[in-house]
């Protein structure tokens, strides 16, 4: 039954990332549905090189990059950058992602 919850969360995250990509006029918003490609899309939304995607797989570097990515994404959505730090807190990260996607 946990897998059903996991699928629902994955779908919601993909919808939110795709919505953020559309609202920031980032091309190829459909990449939000493809694992690993969605990390590339987040780099593009954040205004970073697609090569930053590789950094996600490097321990410790990925922590720094996640903060930078989400900080930049929040600023692109005209929200405070510190919301990016909240992406490390379970459950709160889904709320922050929803705020970034659904707010004007």
N, C-alpha and C. Protein backbone atom coordinates (compact mmCIF):
# COMPACT_ATOMS: atom_id res chain seq x y z
N UNK A 1 0.81 -1.20 0.00
CA UNK A 1 0.00 0.00 0.00
C UNK A 1 0.86 1.27 0.00
N UNK A 2 2.10 1.16 0.49
CA UNK A 2 2.98 2.33 0.51
C UNK A 2 3.29 2.81 -0.90
N UNK A 3 3.33 1.88 -1.85
CA UNK A 3 3.65 2.24 -3.22
C UNK A 3 2.58 3.14 -3.82
N UNK A 4 1.33 2.98 -3.38
CA UNK A 4 0.26 3.85 -3.87
C UNK A 4 0.51 5.28 -3.40
N UNK A 5 0.89 5.43 -2.14
CA UNK A 5 1.22 6.75 -1.62
C UNK A 5 2.41 7.34 -2.36
N UNK A 6 3.42 6.51 -2.62
CA UNK A 6 4.60 6.95 -3.36
C UNK A 6 4.25 7.43 -4.76
N UNK A 7 3.38 6.72 -5.44
CA UNK A 7 2.96 7.12 -6.79
C UNK A 7 2.20 8.44 -6.74
N UNK A 8 1.34 8.59 -5.76
CA UNK A 8 0.57 9.84 -5.62
C UNK A 8 1.51 11.02 -5.38
N UNK A 9 2.49 10.83 -4.50
CA UNK A 9 3.46 11.90 -4.22
C UNK A 9 4.27 12.22 -5.47
N UNK A 10 4.72 11.20 -6.21
CA UNK A 10 5.49 11.42 -7.43
C UNK A 10 4.67 12.20 -8.45
N UNK A 11 3.42 11.84 -8.61
CA UNK A 11 2.55 12.55 -9.56
C UNK A 11 2.40 14.01 -9.13
N UNK A 12 2.18 14.25 -7.84
CA UNK A 12 2.02 15.63 -7.37
C UNK A 12 3.29 16.45 -7.59
N UNK A 13 4.44 15.85 -7.30
CA UNK A 13 5.71 16.55 -7.51
C UNK A 13 5.90 16.88 -8.98
N UNK A 14 5.60 15.93 -9.86
CA UNK A 14 5.74 16.15 -11.30
C UNK A 14 4.81 17.27 -11.77
N UNK A 15 3.58 17.27 -11.27
CA UNK A 15 2.63 18.33 -11.64
C UNK A 15 3.16 19.68 -11.18
N UNK A 16 3.67 19.75 -9.96
CA UNK A 16 4.19 21.01 -9.42
C UNK A 16 5.40 21.49 -10.21
N UNK A 17 6.35 20.60 -10.50
CA UNK A 17 7.55 21.00 -11.24
C UNK A 17 7.16 21.44 -12.65
N UNK A 18 6.23 20.72 -13.28
CA UNK A 18 5.78 21.11 -14.62
C UNK A 18 5.10 22.48 -14.58
N UNK A 19 4.30 22.73 -13.58
CA UNK A 19 3.63 24.02 -13.43
C UNK A 19 4.64 25.14 -13.22
N UNK A 20 5.64 24.89 -12.39
CA UNK A 20 6.69 25.90 -12.16
C UNK A 20 7.42 26.18 -13.47
N UNK A 21 7.72 25.14 -14.23
CA UNK A 21 8.41 25.32 -15.51
C UNK A 21 7.57 26.17 -16.46
N UNK A 22 6.28 25.91 -16.49
CA UNK A 22 5.39 26.70 -17.36
C UNK A 22 5.34 28.16 -16.91
N UNK A 23 5.24 28.37 -15.61
CA UNK A 23 5.13 29.73 -15.09
C UNK A 23 6.42 30.52 -15.22
N UNK A 24 7.55 29.82 -15.37
CA UNK A 24 8.83 30.50 -15.56
C UNK A 24 9.26 30.47 -17.03
N UNK A 25 8.36 30.04 -17.89
CA UNK A 25 8.62 29.96 -19.34
C UNK A 25 9.85 29.12 -19.67
N UNK A 26 10.02 28.03 -18.94
CA UNK A 26 11.12 27.11 -19.19
C UNK A 26 10.65 26.07 -20.21
N UNK A 27 11.40 25.90 -21.31
CA UNK A 27 10.96 24.93 -22.32
C UNK A 27 11.06 23.49 -21.82
N UNK A 28 10.37 22.61 -22.50
CA UNK A 28 10.37 21.16 -22.22
C UNK A 28 9.84 20.83 -20.83
N UNK A 29 8.72 21.44 -20.45
CA UNK A 29 8.15 21.21 -19.13
C UNK A 29 7.75 19.75 -18.91
N UNK A 30 7.57 18.99 -19.97
CA UNK A 30 7.20 17.58 -19.87
C UNK A 30 8.30 16.74 -19.23
N UNK A 31 9.53 17.27 -19.16
CA UNK A 31 10.62 16.55 -18.51
C UNK A 31 10.36 16.32 -17.02
N UNK A 32 9.41 17.05 -16.46
CA UNK A 32 9.07 16.90 -15.04
C UNK A 32 8.60 15.47 -14.73
N UNK A 33 8.14 14.74 -15.72
CA UNK A 33 7.60 13.40 -15.52
C UNK A 33 8.64 12.30 -15.63
N UNK A 34 9.86 12.64 -16.04
CA UNK A 34 10.89 11.63 -16.28
C UNK A 34 11.96 11.73 -15.20
N UNK A 35 12.19 10.62 -14.48
CA UNK A 35 13.24 10.64 -13.45
C UNK A 35 14.59 11.05 -14.05
N UNK A 36 15.36 11.76 -13.31
CA UNK A 36 16.67 12.33 -13.66
C UNK A 36 16.51 13.51 -14.63
N UNK A 37 15.67 13.35 -15.65
CA UNK A 37 15.42 14.47 -16.56
C UNK A 37 14.75 15.61 -15.80
N UNK A 38 13.98 15.28 -14.76
CA UNK A 38 13.34 16.33 -13.97
C UNK A 38 14.38 17.15 -13.19
N UNK A 39 15.51 16.54 -12.86
CA UNK A 39 16.59 17.28 -12.23
C UNK A 39 17.20 18.27 -13.22
N UNK A 40 17.35 17.83 -14.46
CA UNK A 40 17.84 18.71 -15.52
C UNK A 40 16.88 19.89 -15.68
N UNK A 41 15.58 19.60 -15.68
CA UNK A 41 14.58 20.66 -15.80
C UNK A 41 14.69 21.65 -14.65
N UNK A 42 14.91 21.16 -13.44
CA UNK A 42 15.08 22.05 -12.29
C UNK A 42 16.29 22.95 -12.46
N UNK A 43 17.36 22.40 -13.03
CA UNK A 43 18.54 23.23 -13.32
C UNK A 43 18.17 24.36 -14.26
N UNK A 44 17.42 24.04 -15.28
CA UNK A 44 17.03 25.04 -16.27
C UNK A 44 16.09 26.08 -15.64
N UNK A 45 15.16 25.64 -14.83
CA UNK A 45 14.25 26.57 -14.14
C UNK A 45 15.07 27.52 -13.27
N UNK A 46 16.08 26.97 -12.59
CA UNK A 46 16.92 27.77 -11.68
C UNK A 46 17.90 28.66 -12.44
N UNK A 47 17.96 28.51 -13.76
CA UNK A 47 18.87 29.33 -14.55
C UNK A 47 20.30 28.82 -14.52
N UNK A 48 20.47 27.56 -14.22
CA UNK A 48 21.80 26.95 -14.15
C UNK A 48 22.04 26.06 -15.37
N UNK A 49 23.30 25.72 -15.59
CA UNK A 49 23.67 24.82 -16.68
C UNK A 49 23.10 23.43 -16.42
N UNK A 50 22.74 22.75 -17.48
CA UNK A 50 22.25 21.38 -17.35
C UNK A 50 23.28 20.43 -16.78
N UNK A 51 24.56 20.81 -16.87
CA UNK A 51 25.63 19.99 -16.31
C UNK A 51 25.53 19.88 -14.79
N UNK A 52 24.82 20.79 -14.17
CA UNK A 52 24.64 20.73 -12.72
C UNK A 52 23.89 19.47 -12.31
N UNK A 53 23.17 18.87 -13.23
CA UNK A 53 22.43 17.64 -12.94
C UNK A 53 23.37 16.56 -12.42
N UNK A 54 24.57 16.48 -12.96
CA UNK A 54 25.54 15.47 -12.54
C UNK A 54 25.90 15.65 -11.07
N UNK A 55 25.95 16.89 -10.61
CA UNK A 55 26.29 17.18 -9.23
C UNK A 55 25.32 16.59 -8.23
N UNK A 56 24.10 16.31 -8.67
CA UNK A 56 23.11 15.72 -7.78
C UNK A 56 23.54 14.34 -7.30
N UNK A 57 24.40 13.67 -8.07
CA UNK A 57 24.82 12.31 -7.74
C UNK A 57 26.13 12.27 -6.95
N UNK A 58 26.66 13.43 -6.60
CA UNK A 58 27.91 13.51 -5.84
C UNK A 58 27.55 13.82 -4.37
N UNK A 59 27.88 12.90 -3.46
CA UNK A 59 27.55 13.13 -2.05
C UNK A 59 28.12 14.46 -1.54
N UNK A 60 27.39 15.08 -0.67
CA UNK A 60 27.67 16.38 -0.06
C UNK A 60 27.50 17.54 -1.04
N UNK A 61 28.03 17.40 -2.24
CA UNK A 61 27.81 18.43 -3.25
C UNK A 61 26.33 18.55 -3.56
N UNK A 62 25.63 17.40 -3.56
CA UNK A 62 24.21 17.43 -3.87
C UNK A 62 23.41 18.25 -2.84
N UNK A 63 23.83 18.25 -1.60
CA UNK A 63 23.14 19.04 -0.58
C UNK A 63 23.24 20.53 -0.91
N UNK A 64 24.43 20.95 -1.27
CA UNK A 64 24.65 22.36 -1.62
C UNK A 64 23.86 22.73 -2.87
N UNK A 65 23.91 21.84 -3.87
CA UNK A 65 23.22 22.13 -5.12
C UNK A 65 21.70 22.19 -4.94
N UNK A 66 21.17 21.31 -4.10
CA UNK A 66 19.73 21.33 -3.86
C UNK A 66 19.31 22.67 -3.25
N UNK A 67 20.09 23.15 -2.32
CA UNK A 67 19.78 24.45 -1.71
C UNK A 67 19.84 25.55 -2.77
N UNK A 68 20.89 25.55 -3.58
CA UNK A 68 21.05 26.58 -4.62
C UNK A 68 19.93 26.48 -5.65
N UNK A 69 19.61 25.25 -6.08
CA UNK A 69 18.54 25.06 -7.07
C UNK A 69 17.23 25.62 -6.55
N UNK A 70 16.82 25.16 -5.37
CA UNK A 70 15.51 25.57 -4.87
C UNK A 70 15.49 27.03 -4.46
N UNK A 71 16.63 27.57 -4.00
CA UNK A 71 16.71 28.99 -3.69
C UNK A 71 16.43 29.80 -4.96
N UNK A 72 17.09 29.40 -6.05
CA UNK A 72 16.92 30.09 -7.33
C UNK A 72 15.51 29.91 -7.89
N UNK A 73 14.95 28.72 -7.75
CA UNK A 73 13.59 28.47 -8.22
C UNK A 73 12.61 29.36 -7.46
N UNK A 74 12.77 29.45 -6.15
CA UNK A 74 11.89 30.31 -5.35
C UNK A 74 11.98 31.76 -5.81
N UNK A 75 13.20 32.22 -6.06
CA UNK A 75 13.37 33.60 -6.52
C UNK A 75 12.77 33.82 -7.91
N UNK A 76 12.86 32.80 -8.76
CA UNK A 76 12.24 32.90 -10.10
C UNK A 76 10.72 33.04 -9.98
N UNK A 77 10.17 32.46 -8.93
CA UNK A 77 8.72 32.55 -8.69
C UNK A 77 8.36 33.75 -7.81
N UNK A 78 9.33 34.64 -7.60
CA UNK A 78 9.13 35.85 -6.78
C UNK A 78 8.75 35.54 -5.34
N UNK A 79 9.37 34.51 -4.81
CA UNK A 79 9.20 34.12 -3.41
C UNK A 79 10.55 34.24 -2.71
N UNK A 80 10.56 34.28 -1.38
CA UNK A 80 11.85 34.37 -0.68
C UNK A 80 12.72 33.15 -0.96
N UNK A 81 14.00 33.38 -1.21
CA UNK A 81 14.91 32.30 -1.52
C UNK A 81 15.07 31.28 -0.41
N UNK A 82 14.89 31.69 0.84
CA UNK A 82 15.08 30.77 1.96
C UNK A 82 14.10 29.60 1.92
N UNK A 83 13.06 29.70 1.11
CA UNK A 83 12.14 28.57 0.98
C UNK A 83 12.89 27.33 0.46
N UNK A 84 13.98 27.56 -0.28
CA UNK A 84 14.78 26.45 -0.80
C UNK A 84 15.37 25.59 0.30
N UNK A 85 15.71 26.20 1.41
CA UNK A 85 16.26 25.44 2.53
C UNK A 85 15.20 24.52 3.13
N UNK A 86 13.95 24.93 3.08
CA UNK A 86 12.87 24.12 3.65
C UNK A 86 12.61 22.85 2.85
N UNK A 87 13.20 22.73 1.67
CA UNK A 87 12.99 21.54 0.85
C UNK A 87 13.63 20.29 1.48
N UNK A 88 14.41 20.45 2.54
CA UNK A 88 15.01 19.31 3.23
C UNK A 88 14.11 18.75 4.32
N UNK A 89 13.03 19.42 4.63
CA UNK A 89 12.16 18.99 5.72
C UNK A 89 10.99 18.19 5.12
N UNK A 90 10.90 16.90 5.48
CA UNK A 90 9.82 16.08 4.94
C UNK A 90 8.45 16.69 5.24
N UNK A 91 7.54 16.52 4.36
CA UNK A 91 6.18 17.04 4.37
C UNK A 91 6.17 18.54 4.09
N UNK A 92 7.03 19.29 4.75
CA UNK A 92 7.13 20.72 4.49
C UNK A 92 7.56 20.95 3.04
N UNK A 93 8.43 20.06 2.53
CA UNK A 93 8.89 20.23 1.15
C UNK A 93 7.74 20.13 0.15
N UNK A 94 6.78 19.28 0.41
CA UNK A 94 5.61 19.17 -0.48
C UNK A 94 4.78 20.45 -0.40
N UNK A 95 4.66 21.01 0.79
CA UNK A 95 3.91 22.25 0.96
C UNK A 95 4.61 23.40 0.24
N UNK A 96 5.94 23.50 0.41
CA UNK A 96 6.71 24.56 -0.25
C UNK A 96 6.61 24.41 -1.76
N UNK A 97 6.75 23.20 -2.26
CA UNK A 97 6.64 22.95 -3.69
C UNK A 97 5.26 23.36 -4.21
N UNK A 98 4.24 23.07 -3.44
CA UNK A 98 2.87 23.45 -3.82
C UNK A 98 2.72 24.98 -3.85
N UNK A 99 3.30 25.66 -2.88
CA UNK A 99 3.25 27.12 -2.84
C UNK A 99 3.95 27.69 -4.06
N UNK A 100 5.14 27.17 -4.39
CA UNK A 100 5.87 27.67 -5.55
C UNK A 100 5.11 27.43 -6.84
N UNK A 101 4.40 26.31 -6.93
CA UNK A 101 3.69 25.98 -8.16
C UNK A 101 2.35 26.69 -8.27
N UNK A 102 1.63 26.80 -7.19
CA UNK A 102 0.23 27.26 -7.27
C UNK A 102 0.02 28.74 -7.00
N UNK A 103 1.01 29.40 -6.44
CA UNK A 103 0.83 30.82 -6.15
C UNK A 103 1.05 31.65 -7.42
N UNK A 104 0.56 32.84 -7.38
CA UNK A 104 0.73 33.74 -8.54
C UNK A 104 1.98 34.47 -8.46
